[in-house]
């Protein structure tokens, strides 16, 4: 019984340690902050998804790509009067 409990505890701690790695961004905002510069640094015509963008939802990635393109064209998201 003691061996099972010890094994289960070790496995649980290993799983929790893997899930709480501080090196991995956790929020969409954190991932987007890493993704935006990677998108801007892509060579012209490159449409591959940078590894820094992994973890963004499809909608957030699409919006970030469109925003990067708009920035490159000098289009701002501000309102006009």
N, C-alpha and C. Protein backbone atom coordinates (compact mmCIF):
# COMPACT_ATOMS: atom_id res chain seq x y z
N UNK A 1 0.82 -1.19 0.00
CA UNK A 1 0.00 0.00 0.00
C UNK A 1 0.86 1.25 0.00
N UNK A 2 1.93 1.24 0.80
CA UNK A 2 2.80 2.39 0.89
C UNK A 2 3.47 2.66 -0.46
N UNK A 3 3.85 1.63 -1.17
CA UNK A 3 4.49 1.79 -2.47
C UNK A 3 3.53 2.42 -3.47
N UNK A 4 2.28 1.98 -3.47
CA UNK A 4 1.28 2.57 -4.37
C UNK A 4 1.05 4.04 -4.07
N UNK A 5 0.96 4.37 -2.80
CA UNK A 5 0.74 5.76 -2.41
C UNK A 5 1.92 6.63 -2.83
N UNK A 6 3.12 6.14 -2.61
CA UNK A 6 4.32 6.89 -2.99
C UNK A 6 4.38 7.06 -4.50
N UNK A 7 4.10 6.00 -5.23
CA UNK A 7 4.11 6.06 -6.69
C UNK A 7 3.07 7.04 -7.19
N UNK A 8 1.88 6.98 -6.64
CA UNK A 8 0.82 7.89 -7.05
C UNK A 8 1.19 9.34 -6.75
N UNK A 9 1.80 9.59 -5.61
CA UNK A 9 2.21 10.94 -5.23
C UNK A 9 3.28 11.46 -6.18
N UNK A 10 4.25 10.61 -6.51
CA UNK A 10 5.31 11.02 -7.43
C UNK A 10 4.74 11.33 -8.81
N UNK A 11 3.85 10.50 -9.29
CA UNK A 11 3.23 10.74 -10.59
C UNK A 11 2.40 12.02 -10.59
N UNK A 12 1.66 12.26 -9.51
CA UNK A 12 0.86 13.47 -9.40
C UNK A 12 1.75 14.70 -9.39
N UNK A 13 2.81 14.67 -8.62
CA UNK A 13 3.73 15.81 -8.58
C UNK A 13 4.41 16.05 -9.93
N UNK A 14 4.76 14.97 -10.62
CA UNK A 14 5.37 15.12 -11.94
C UNK A 14 4.39 15.75 -12.93
N UNK A 15 3.14 15.33 -12.88
CA UNK A 15 2.13 15.89 -13.77
C UNK A 15 1.88 17.36 -13.46
N UNK A 16 1.80 17.70 -12.19
CA UNK A 16 1.58 19.09 -11.81
C UNK A 16 2.76 19.97 -12.18
N UNK A 17 3.96 19.46 -12.03
CA UNK A 17 5.15 20.22 -12.41
C UNK A 17 5.16 20.48 -13.91
N UNK A 18 4.80 19.49 -14.69
CA UNK A 18 4.76 19.66 -16.14
C UNK A 18 3.69 20.64 -16.58
N UNK A 19 2.58 20.68 -15.89
CA UNK A 19 1.48 21.57 -16.25
C UNK A 19 1.70 23.01 -15.81
N UNK A 20 2.56 23.22 -14.82
CA UNK A 20 2.72 24.56 -14.29
C UNK A 20 4.05 25.18 -14.67
N UNK A 21 4.62 24.76 -15.77
CA UNK A 21 5.89 25.31 -16.20
C UNK A 21 5.77 26.80 -16.44
N UNK A 22 6.66 27.58 -15.81
CA UNK A 22 6.59 29.03 -15.94
C UNK A 22 7.16 29.51 -17.27
N UNK A 23 7.80 28.64 -18.03
CA UNK A 23 8.36 29.03 -19.32
C UNK A 23 7.30 29.12 -20.41
N UNK A 24 6.18 28.48 -20.23
CA UNK A 24 5.12 28.46 -21.23
C UNK A 24 4.14 29.60 -20.98
N UNK A 25 3.86 30.44 -21.99
CA UNK A 25 2.84 31.46 -21.79
C UNK A 25 1.48 30.80 -21.56
N UNK A 26 0.67 31.40 -20.73
CA UNK A 26 -0.59 30.77 -20.38
C UNK A 26 -1.80 31.48 -20.96
N UNK A 27 -1.73 32.78 -21.14
CA UNK A 27 -2.90 33.50 -21.63
C UNK A 27 -2.76 33.81 -23.12
N UNK A 28 -3.87 34.08 -23.74
CA UNK A 28 -3.86 34.46 -25.15
C UNK A 28 -3.06 35.76 -25.35
N UNK A 29 -3.14 36.67 -24.37
CA UNK A 29 -2.41 37.93 -24.47
C UNK A 29 -0.90 37.69 -24.44
N UNK A 30 -0.45 36.78 -23.57
CA UNK A 30 0.97 36.48 -23.48
C UNK A 30 1.48 35.83 -24.77
N UNK A 31 0.69 34.92 -25.31
CA UNK A 31 1.09 34.26 -26.55
C UNK A 31 1.08 35.26 -27.69
N UNK A 32 0.09 36.13 -27.75
CA UNK A 32 0.01 37.15 -28.80
C UNK A 32 1.20 38.10 -28.72
N UNK A 33 1.65 38.43 -27.52
CA UNK A 33 2.80 39.32 -27.35
C UNK A 33 4.07 38.69 -27.93
N UNK A 34 4.17 37.38 -27.89
CA UNK A 34 5.31 36.68 -28.49
C UNK A 34 5.11 36.46 -29.99
N UNK A 35 3.86 36.30 -30.39
CA UNK A 35 3.53 35.99 -31.78
C UNK A 35 3.68 37.20 -32.70
N UNK A 36 3.26 38.37 -32.25
CA UNK A 36 3.26 39.56 -33.11
C UNK A 36 4.64 39.87 -33.70
N UNK A 37 5.70 39.92 -32.89
CA UNK A 37 7.02 40.18 -33.49
C UNK A 37 7.46 39.07 -34.45
N UNK A 38 7.07 37.84 -34.15
CA UNK A 38 7.44 36.73 -35.04
C UNK A 38 6.74 36.86 -36.38
N UNK A 39 5.49 37.32 -36.37
CA UNK A 39 4.78 37.54 -37.63
C UNK A 39 5.43 38.65 -38.44
N UNK A 40 5.83 39.72 -37.76
CA UNK A 40 6.46 40.85 -38.46
C UNK A 40 7.83 40.48 -39.02
N UNK A 41 8.50 39.52 -38.40
CA UNK A 41 9.84 39.12 -38.82
C UNK A 41 9.83 38.09 -39.95
N UNK A 42 8.65 37.57 -40.29
CA UNK A 42 8.58 36.58 -41.38
C UNK A 42 9.00 37.21 -42.69
N UNK A 43 9.70 36.47 -43.54
CA UNK A 43 10.02 36.99 -44.88
C UNK A 43 8.73 37.23 -45.67
N UNK A 44 8.78 38.20 -46.56
CA UNK A 44 7.60 38.51 -47.38
C UNK A 44 7.18 37.28 -48.17
N UNK A 45 5.89 37.01 -48.17
CA UNK A 45 5.35 35.85 -48.88
C UNK A 45 5.27 34.59 -48.04
N UNK A 46 5.92 34.58 -46.88
CA UNK A 46 5.89 33.41 -45.99
C UNK A 46 4.55 33.41 -45.26
N UNK A 47 3.80 32.35 -45.40
CA UNK A 47 2.49 32.26 -44.76
C UNK A 47 2.45 31.18 -43.67
N UNK A 48 3.62 30.64 -43.34
CA UNK A 48 3.63 29.61 -42.30
C UNK A 48 3.40 30.24 -40.93
N UNK A 49 2.83 29.45 -40.04
CA UNK A 49 2.53 29.92 -38.68
C UNK A 49 3.78 29.80 -37.83
N UNK A 50 4.29 30.92 -37.30
CA UNK A 50 5.48 30.83 -36.45
C UNK A 50 5.22 30.01 -35.20
N UNK A 51 6.25 29.35 -34.71
CA UNK A 51 6.10 28.51 -33.52
C UNK A 51 5.69 29.34 -32.31
N UNK A 52 6.05 30.63 -32.28
CA UNK A 52 5.66 31.50 -31.17
C UNK A 52 4.16 31.71 -31.10
N UNK A 53 3.46 31.41 -32.18
CA UNK A 53 2.01 31.61 -32.25
C UNK A 53 1.23 30.36 -31.85
N UNK A 54 1.92 29.26 -31.62
CA UNK A 54 1.24 28.03 -31.21
C UNK A 54 0.53 28.28 -29.88
N UNK A 55 -0.70 27.86 -29.80
CA UNK A 55 -1.49 28.05 -28.59
C UNK A 55 -2.55 29.13 -28.72
N UNK A 56 -2.39 30.01 -29.73
CA UNK A 56 -3.44 31.00 -29.98
C UNK A 56 -4.64 30.31 -30.61
N UNK A 57 -5.82 30.76 -30.27
CA UNK A 57 -7.00 30.23 -30.94
C UNK A 57 -6.94 30.66 -32.41
N UNK A 58 -7.66 29.96 -33.26
CA UNK A 58 -7.66 30.29 -34.69
C UNK A 58 -8.14 31.72 -34.91
N UNK A 59 -9.18 32.13 -34.20
CA UNK A 59 -9.69 33.50 -34.36
C UNK A 59 -8.66 34.53 -33.94
N UNK A 60 -7.99 34.31 -32.80
CA UNK A 60 -6.99 35.26 -32.34
C UNK A 60 -5.79 35.32 -33.28
N UNK A 61 -5.39 34.18 -33.80
CA UNK A 61 -4.28 34.15 -34.76
C UNK A 61 -4.66 34.92 -36.03
N UNK A 62 -5.86 34.66 -36.55
CA UNK A 62 -6.31 35.36 -37.75
C UNK A 62 -6.35 36.87 -37.54
N UNK A 63 -6.86 37.30 -36.39
CA UNK A 63 -6.91 38.73 -36.09
C UNK A 63 -5.52 39.33 -35.99
N UNK A 64 -4.59 38.60 -35.42
CA UNK A 64 -3.23 39.09 -35.30
C UNK A 64 -2.56 39.19 -36.66
N UNK A 65 -2.81 38.22 -37.53
CA UNK A 65 -2.26 38.27 -38.89
C UNK A 65 -2.82 39.47 -39.64
N UNK A 66 -4.13 39.69 -39.55
CA UNK A 66 -4.76 40.83 -40.23
C UNK A 66 -4.21 42.14 -39.67
N UNK A 67 -4.04 42.21 -38.36
CA UNK A 67 -3.49 43.41 -37.74
C UNK A 67 -2.07 43.68 -38.21
N UNK A 68 -1.27 42.63 -38.34
CA UNK A 68 0.11 42.78 -38.81
C UNK A 68 0.13 43.28 -40.25
N UNK A 69 -0.75 42.76 -41.08
CA UNK A 69 -0.84 43.21 -42.47
C UNK A 69 -1.27 44.67 -42.52
N UNK A 70 -2.27 45.03 -41.73
CA UNK A 70 -2.75 46.42 -41.70
C UNK A 70 -1.64 47.37 -41.24
N UNK A 71 -0.89 46.96 -40.22
CA UNK A 71 0.23 47.79 -39.76
C UNK A 71 1.25 47.99 -40.86
N UNK A 72 1.52 46.94 -41.60
CA UNK A 72 2.48 47.01 -42.70
C UNK A 72 2.02 47.94 -43.81
N UNK A 73 0.72 48.08 -43.97
CA UNK A 73 0.15 48.96 -44.99
C UNK A 73 -0.07 50.38 -44.47
N UNK A 74 0.18 50.58 -43.18
CA UNK A 74 -0.01 51.91 -42.60
C UNK A 74 -1.45 52.20 -42.24
N UNK A 75 -2.26 51.18 -42.12
CA UNK A 75 -3.67 51.35 -41.77
C UNK A 75 -3.78 51.26 -40.27
N UNK A 76 -4.38 52.28 -39.66
CA UNK A 76 -4.54 52.23 -38.20
C UNK A 76 -5.95 51.83 -37.86
N UNK A 77 -6.15 51.38 -36.64
CA UNK A 77 -7.47 50.97 -36.19
C UNK A 77 -8.23 52.10 -35.53
N UNK A 78 -7.68 53.31 -35.59
CA UNK A 78 -8.34 54.45 -34.96
C UNK A 78 -9.60 54.88 -35.69
N UNK A 79 -10.39 55.70 -35.02
CA UNK A 79 -11.63 56.19 -35.63
C UNK A 79 -11.36 57.53 -36.29
N UNK A 80 -12.17 57.85 -37.25
CA UNK A 80 -12.07 59.15 -37.92
C UNK A 80 -13.29 59.99 -37.59
N UNK A 81 -13.11 61.26 -37.59
CA UNK A 81 -14.24 62.16 -37.30
C UNK A 81 -14.72 62.83 -38.56
